[in-house]
């Protein structure tokens, strides 16, 4: 794949102070000053991952997709132009503002501004989280994933798969149509939800520790109408997470334990068990759709649907079996 990861994201908003408090005090990002009109956030060793820009209209957004080097960027530009998509080679001033070596810009069929870049700047000072957390899972997996609402999924899927080379991970058709795409081992770096309107749904950031997510959830519960989706676990990427309302109204998903896949041999499937194994009560859904989602979760529970917890080396401790019944089930299941 030419595109390697979701490298950065930016949003237009006049609520810089609200974003600062939200990003540092709730999510745990590190705020970095970029003048009077721009607030940047760090998640790791890179100089910035998320940008809030007062000079852009509220609701404006852009996504920076990372490629390996100058040759890969040129190849991507040529591929886009061959598909009759207008490409702009952005000036060095914008590359400097994005803290990358060079970038191009273009739009997807829904009008979302996309940027492709190489050479992200690395900060010479350690990441300093806004609150006490163990850190974010980024590196070659990128900053997380972005989920967009779309009027019609079909032209968008054709663009991201056929033109940009994203891989389809899986999809669901009920209680809403949603398709998930990967560009690396992260189960998905992009997802599209068909709602009849083009917009921003959520941005996911994955933390190293489940306790980081739980403590973030506690903070969110103290703030009126902050929680948009309750704590739960997804069926496809197996992420344990909750969603909170950002100062720009779209949601931030704070998650842990996301699944890794092998893009070389991954086969996409339709998910029939709904989007979540348990939890994830979606307050933004119409009541009839919330009821469908609840019924799906109840059927999943009744059928005994379970999935292994996804952990990193050193981030878990094995316990000895203490229940003969569970030991027997585990041995029988291989």
Protein backbone atom coordinates (compact mmCIF):
# COMPACT_ATOMS: atom_id res chain seq x y z
CA UNK A 1 0.00 0.00 0.00
CA UNK A 2 1.23 3.50 -0.84
CA UNK A 3 -0.55 5.04 2.16
CA UNK A 4 1.02 3.80 5.39
CA UNK A 5 -0.95 5.45 8.21
CA UNK A 6 -3.21 8.26 9.32
CA UNK A 7 -0.49 10.70 10.36
CA UNK A 8 -2.45 13.74 11.54
CA UNK A 9 -5.85 15.40 11.55
CA UNK A 10 -6.98 19.01 11.79
CA UNK A 11 -10.25 20.76 12.57
CA UNK A 12 -11.55 24.29 12.32
CA UNK A 13 -12.86 25.70 15.60
CA UNK A 14 -12.99 29.01 17.42
CA UNK A 15 -13.16 27.20 20.78
CA UNK A 16 -9.43 26.86 21.37
CA UNK A 17 -9.62 27.09 25.15
CA UNK A 18 -12.39 24.49 25.34
CA UNK A 19 -10.30 22.24 23.12
CA UNK A 20 -7.25 22.79 25.31
CA UNK A 21 -9.11 21.75 28.46
CA UNK A 22 -10.78 18.82 26.73
CA UNK A 23 -7.63 17.56 25.01
CA UNK A 24 -5.33 17.76 28.01
CA UNK A 25 -7.62 17.28 31.00
CA UNK A 26 -9.83 14.52 29.63
CA UNK A 27 -8.05 12.72 26.77
CA UNK A 28 -4.51 13.27 28.05
CA UNK A 29 -2.96 14.97 25.01
CA UNK A 30 -0.10 17.44 25.27
CA UNK A 31 -1.01 20.96 24.12
CA UNK A 32 1.51 22.88 22.03
CA UNK A 33 1.17 26.60 21.28
CA UNK A 34 1.22 27.56 17.61
CA UNK A 35 0.38 31.27 17.73
CA UNK A 36 -2.93 32.99 18.44
CA UNK A 37 -5.05 31.05 15.95
CA UNK A 38 -3.77 27.51 16.18
CA UNK A 39 -3.57 24.89 18.91
CA UNK A 40 -1.67 21.66 18.30
CA UNK A 41 -1.64 18.44 20.29
CA UNK A 42 1.10 15.86 20.66
CA UNK A 43 0.45 12.16 21.31
CA UNK A 44 3.97 10.79 21.02
CA UNK A 45 7.41 11.81 19.75
CA UNK A 46 6.03 13.71 16.75
CA UNK A 47 5.75 17.48 16.93
CA UNK A 48 2.02 17.36 16.35
CA UNK A 49 -0.74 14.88 15.60
CA UNK A 50 -3.92 16.97 15.96
CA UNK A 51 -4.44 20.60 15.01
CA UNK A 52 -7.28 22.95 15.99
CA UNK A 53 -7.27 26.02 13.74
CA UNK A 54 -9.29 29.14 14.59
CA UNK A 55 -8.72 30.55 11.08
CA UNK A 56 -10.70 27.68 9.49
CA UNK A 57 -14.50 27.64 9.54
CA UNK A 58 -16.16 25.60 12.27
CA UNK A 59 -16.69 22.12 10.86
CA UNK A 60 -13.75 22.29 8.44
CA UNK A 61 -11.43 19.28 8.65
CA UNK A 62 -8.40 17.75 6.99
CA UNK A 63 -6.63 14.41 7.28
CA UNK A 64 -2.94 13.78 6.68
CA UNK A 65 -2.14 10.36 5.22
CA UNK A 66 1.50 9.32 5.50
CA UNK A 67 3.62 7.80 2.72
CA UNK A 68 7.19 6.52 2.88
CA UNK A 69 9.17 9.12 0.95
CA UNK A 70 9.28 11.62 -1.92
CA UNK A 71 9.05 8.88 -4.57
CA UNK A 72 5.92 7.44 -2.93
CA UNK A 73 4.36 10.90 -2.77
CA UNK A 74 5.05 11.48 -6.46
CA UNK A 75 3.62 8.08 -7.35
CA UNK A 76 0.46 8.79 -5.36
CA UNK A 77 0.04 12.17 -7.06
CA UNK A 78 0.38 10.53 -10.48
CA UNK A 79 -2.17 7.86 -9.53
CA UNK A 80 -4.66 10.50 -8.41
CA UNK A 81 -4.21 12.57 -11.56
CA UNK A 82 -4.66 9.46 -13.71
CA UNK A 83 -8.02 9.03 -11.98
CA UNK A 84 -8.95 12.62 -12.93
CA UNK A 85 -8.59 13.91 -9.38
CA UNK A 86 -7.14 17.38 -8.95
CA UNK A 87 -3.93 17.42 -6.93
CA UNK A 88 -2.21 20.46 -5.43
CA UNK A 89 1.49 20.46 -4.55
CA UNK A 90 1.36 22.53 -1.38
CA UNK A 91 3.99 25.20 -0.65
CA UNK A 92 6.75 24.72 1.89
CA UNK A 93 5.03 27.17 4.24
CA UNK A 94 2.12 24.76 4.66
CA UNK A 95 4.47 21.79 5.02
CA UNK A 96 6.26 23.68 7.78
CA UNK A 97 2.94 24.39 9.50
CA UNK A 98 2.00 20.70 9.29
CA UNK A 99 5.48 19.82 10.65
CA UNK A 100 6.29 17.57 7.67
CA UNK A 101 8.84 17.65 4.85
CA UNK A 102 6.39 17.91 1.94
CA UNK A 103 2.73 17.33 1.12
CA UNK A 104 0.06 17.33 -1.55
CA UNK A 105 -3.67 17.94 -1.12
CA UNK A 106 -6.80 16.64 -2.83
CA UNK A 107 -10.43 15.84 -1.97
CA UNK A 108 -12.49 12.68 -1.70
CA UNK A 109 -15.93 12.43 -3.40
CA UNK A 110 -17.64 13.87 -0.29
CA UNK A 111 -15.41 16.95 -0.32
CA UNK A 112 -13.22 16.02 2.64
CA UNK A 113 -9.79 17.64 2.38
CA UNK A 114 -7.09 15.00 2.30
CA UNK A 115 -3.36 15.58 2.49
CA UNK A 116 -0.60 13.09 1.74
CA UNK A 117 2.84 13.72 3.19
CA UNK A 118 6.21 12.28 4.06
CA UNK A 119 8.92 13.19 6.54
CA UNK A 120 7.13 14.02 9.82
CA UNK A 121 9.14 16.16 12.24
CA UNK A 122 10.23 14.45 15.46
CA UNK A 123 10.37 16.50 18.66
CA UNK A 124 13.59 16.40 20.66
CA UNK A 125 11.67 16.59 23.95
CA UNK A 126 9.69 13.67 25.42
CA UNK A 127 5.91 13.54 25.15
CA UNK A 128 4.37 15.09 28.27
CA UNK A 129 0.71 14.06 28.67
CA UNK A 130 -1.85 16.56 29.89
CA UNK A 131 -2.90 14.18 32.67
CA UNK A 132 -1.39 11.03 34.13
CA UNK A 133 -1.67 8.36 31.43
CA UNK A 134 0.64 5.63 30.18
CA UNK A 135 0.60 6.94 26.60
CA UNK A 136 -0.99 6.39 23.19
CA UNK A 137 -0.54 3.49 20.79
CA UNK A 138 0.67 5.18 17.61
CA UNK A 139 3.98 4.48 15.80
CA UNK A 140 3.51 2.64 12.48
CA UNK A 141 -0.21 2.26 13.23
CA UNK A 142 -0.75 6.03 12.97
CA UNK A 143 -2.61 8.32 15.34
CA UNK A 144 -5.74 6.14 15.45
CA UNK A 145 -8.71 6.05 13.11
CA UNK A 146 -11.15 8.52 11.60
CA UNK A 147 -14.82 7.75 10.97
CA UNK A 148 -16.85 9.85 8.55
CA UNK A 149 -20.57 10.02 7.92
CA UNK A 150 -21.42 9.95 4.23
CA UNK A 151 -24.43 10.50 2.05
CA UNK A 152 -23.60 7.50 -0.13
CA UNK A 153 -20.91 4.95 0.69
CA UNK A 154 -20.46 3.50 -2.81
CA UNK A 155 -18.48 6.31 -4.53
CA UNK A 156 -16.46 6.85 -1.35
CA UNK A 157 -15.54 3.18 -1.12
CA UNK A 158 -14.50 3.14 -4.76
CA UNK A 159 -12.25 6.15 -4.18
CA UNK A 160 -10.53 4.87 -1.06
CA UNK A 161 -10.12 1.27 -2.27
CA UNK A 162 -9.58 1.59 -6.02
CA UNK A 163 -7.70 4.90 -6.11
CA UNK A 164 -5.93 5.20 -2.77
CA UNK A 165 -5.43 1.47 -2.29
CA UNK A 166 -7.05 1.05 1.14
CA UNK A 167 -8.03 -2.50 2.09
CA UNK A 168 -11.56 -3.39 3.19
CA UNK A 169 -11.49 -4.93 6.67
CA UNK A 170 -15.17 -5.75 7.13
CA UNK A 171 -18.61 -4.17 7.06
CA UNK A 172 -21.98 -4.13 8.78
CA UNK A 173 -25.42 -3.51 7.30
CA UNK A 174 -27.51 -3.30 10.50
CA UNK A 175 -28.44 -1.20 12.46
CA UNK A 176 -26.68 1.08 9.91
CA UNK A 177 -24.35 0.60 6.93
CA UNK A 178 -20.70 0.97 7.90
CA UNK A 179 -17.53 -0.08 6.07
CA UNK A 180 -14.07 -0.30 7.66
CA UNK A 181 -10.74 0.12 5.87
CA UNK A 182 -7.11 -0.59 6.77
CA UNK A 183 -3.77 0.74 5.54
CA UNK A 184 -1.56 -1.08 8.05
CA UNK A 185 -1.95 -3.63 10.86
CA UNK A 186 -4.50 -1.51 12.71
CA UNK A 187 -7.88 -3.11 12.00
CA UNK A 188 -9.12 0.13 10.50
CA UNK A 189 -7.69 3.61 10.02
CA UNK A 190 -10.85 4.83 8.27
CA UNK A 191 -14.52 3.93 8.46
CA UNK A 192 -17.54 5.26 6.61
CA UNK A 193 -21.07 5.29 8.02
CA UNK A 194 -23.94 5.91 5.60
CA UNK A 195 -26.30 8.41 7.24
CA UNK A 196 -27.49 10.49 4.27
CA UNK A 197 -25.24 13.40 5.31
CA UNK A 198 -21.52 14.08 4.87
CA UNK A 199 -19.75 14.91 8.11
CA UNK A 200 -17.34 13.95 10.86
CA UNK A 201 -18.45 11.14 13.15
CA UNK A 202 -15.48 10.46 15.42
CA UNK A 203 -11.73 10.26 15.82
CA UNK A 204 -10.32 7.30 17.78
CA UNK A 205 -7.22 7.44 19.97
CA UNK A 206 -5.94 4.22 21.53
CA UNK A 207 -4.32 4.29 24.94
CA UNK A 208 -1.77 1.82 26.29
CA UNK A 209 -3.71 0.93 29.43
CA UNK A 210 -7.30 -0.11 30.05
CA UNK A 211 -7.11 1.89 33.27
CA UNK A 212 -6.30 5.01 31.22
CA UNK A 213 -9.62 4.54 29.43
CA UNK A 214 -11.53 3.82 32.64
CA UNK A 215 -10.16 6.90 34.36
CA UNK A 216 -10.94 8.98 31.28
CA UNK A 217 -14.48 7.61 31.41
CA UNK A 218 -14.76 8.66 35.07
CA UNK A 219 -13.72 12.20 34.13
CA UNK A 220 -16.19 12.31 31.24
CA UNK A 221 -19.04 11.18 33.50
CA UNK A 222 -18.51 14.24 35.69
CA UNK A 223 -19.20 16.55 32.72
CA UNK A 224 -22.78 17.07 31.64
CA UNK A 225 -23.65 15.47 28.27
CA UNK A 226 -20.00 14.62 27.62
CA UNK A 227 -20.50 10.86 27.14
CA UNK A 228 -22.05 10.08 23.76
CA UNK A 229 -21.54 6.32 23.70
CA UNK A 230 -21.18 4.34 26.90
CA UNK A 231 -18.30 2.00 27.70
CA UNK A 232 -18.38 -1.15 25.58
CA UNK A 233 -16.45 -3.47 23.28
CA UNK A 234 -16.59 -3.68 19.50
CA UNK A 235 -17.14 -6.89 17.57
CA UNK A 236 -14.72 -6.19 14.71
CA UNK A 237 -11.63 -4.40 16.06
CA UNK A 238 -12.29 -5.73 19.60
CA UNK A 239 -11.62 -2.27 21.07
CA UNK A 240 -12.87 -1.54 24.58
CA UNK A 241 -13.85 2.11 24.49
CA UNK A 242 -16.30 4.90 25.06
CA UNK A 243 -17.08 8.01 23.04
CA UNK A 244 -17.20 11.58 24.29
CA UNK A 245 -18.42 14.76 22.68
CA UNK A 246 -15.62 17.11 21.63
CA UNK A 247 -15.87 20.92 21.65
CA UNK A 248 -16.54 20.64 17.91
CA UNK A 249 -19.50 18.29 18.52
CA UNK A 250 -18.03 15.29 16.72
CA UNK A 251 -16.95 12.48 19.01
CA UNK A 252 -13.60 11.30 20.30
CA UNK A 253 -13.35 7.56 20.95
CA UNK A 254 -10.98 6.68 23.77
CA UNK A 255 -10.06 3.03 23.40
CA UNK A 256 -7.81 0.18 24.47
CA UNK A 257 -6.94 -3.28 23.18
CA UNK A 258 -7.47 -2.77 19.45
CA UNK A 259 -6.96 -5.73 17.17
CA UNK A 260 -4.07 -6.07 14.73
CA UNK A 261 -4.53 -7.79 11.37
CA UNK A 262 -2.22 -9.00 8.62
CA UNK A 263 -3.09 -6.87 5.56
CA UNK A 264 -1.38 -9.35 3.24
CA UNK A 265 -3.94 -12.10 3.79
CA UNK A 266 -6.89 -10.46 5.51
CA UNK A 267 -10.28 -11.41 4.08
CA UNK A 268 -13.18 -8.97 4.65
CA UNK A 269 -16.47 -10.33 5.95
CA UNK A 270 -19.93 -9.02 6.77
CA UNK A 271 -20.38 -8.67 10.53
CA UNK A 272 -23.78 -10.08 11.52
CA UNK A 273 -23.54 -9.59 15.28
CA UNK A 274 -23.83 -5.81 15.26
CA UNK A 275 -21.13 -3.29 16.08
CA UNK A 276 -20.62 -4.16 19.76
CA UNK A 277 -20.25 -7.27 21.92
CA UNK A 278 -21.58 -5.39 24.94
CA UNK A 279 -22.18 -1.82 26.05
CA UNK A 280 -21.74 1.07 23.62
CA UNK A 281 -25.25 2.45 24.09
CA UNK A 282 -25.34 5.04 21.32
CA UNK A 283 -27.30 8.04 22.56
CA UNK A 284 -27.13 9.67 19.11
CA UNK A 285 -29.12 6.90 17.41
CA UNK A 286 -32.91 7.19 16.98
CA UNK A 287 -34.69 5.09 19.59
CA UNK A 288 -35.81 2.44 17.10
CA UNK A 289 -32.21 1.93 15.96
CA UNK A 290 -30.99 1.85 19.56
CA UNK A 291 -33.48 -0.93 20.21
CA UNK A 292 -32.15 -2.89 17.21
CA UNK A 293 -28.62 -2.48 18.55
CA UNK A 294 -29.71 -3.64 22.02
CA UNK A 295 -31.36 -6.73 20.56
CA UNK A 296 -28.17 -7.53 18.66
CA UNK A 297 -26.12 -7.30 21.84
CA UNK A 298 -28.59 -9.51 23.70
CA UNK A 299 -28.44 -12.13 20.94
CA UNK A 300 -24.64 -11.99 21.02
CA UNK A 301 -24.69 -12.55 24.78
CA UNK A 302 -27.23 -15.37 24.53
CA UNK A 303 -25.15 -17.14 21.87
CA UNK A 304 -22.04 -16.92 24.02
CA UNK A 305 -20.15 -14.66 21.60
CA UNK A 306 -16.75 -13.89 23.11
CA UNK A 307 -13.39 -12.66 21.84
CA UNK A 308 -9.88 -12.83 23.30
CA UNK A 309 -8.55 -9.67 24.88
CA UNK A 310 -5.91 -8.04 22.67
CA UNK A 311 -2.83 -7.15 24.73
CA UNK A 312 0.72 -6.02 24.04
CA UNK A 313 3.79 -7.80 25.36
CA UNK A 314 4.38 -6.81 28.97
CA UNK A 315 0.88 -5.29 29.33
CA UNK A 316 -0.70 -8.28 31.02
CA UNK A 317 -0.14 -10.90 33.69
CA UNK A 318 -1.21 -14.50 33.25
CA UNK A 319 -3.19 -15.96 36.14
CA UNK A 320 -3.36 -19.65 37.01
CA UNK A 321 -6.64 -21.39 36.32
CA UNK A 322 -8.76 -21.62 39.46
CA UNK A 323 -12.09 -22.78 38.06
CA UNK A 324 -12.28 -26.44 36.89
CA UNK A 325 -15.29 -25.65 34.69
CA UNK A 326 -13.50 -22.74 32.94
CA UNK A 327 -10.29 -24.76 32.60
CA UNK A 328 -12.30 -27.49 30.93
CA UNK A 329 -13.94 -25.03 28.52
CA UNK A 330 -10.57 -23.48 27.69
CA UNK A 331 -8.94 -26.84 27.03
CA UNK A 332 -11.86 -27.98 24.90
CA UNK A 333 -11.62 -24.81 22.82
CA UNK A 334 -7.92 -25.36 22.13
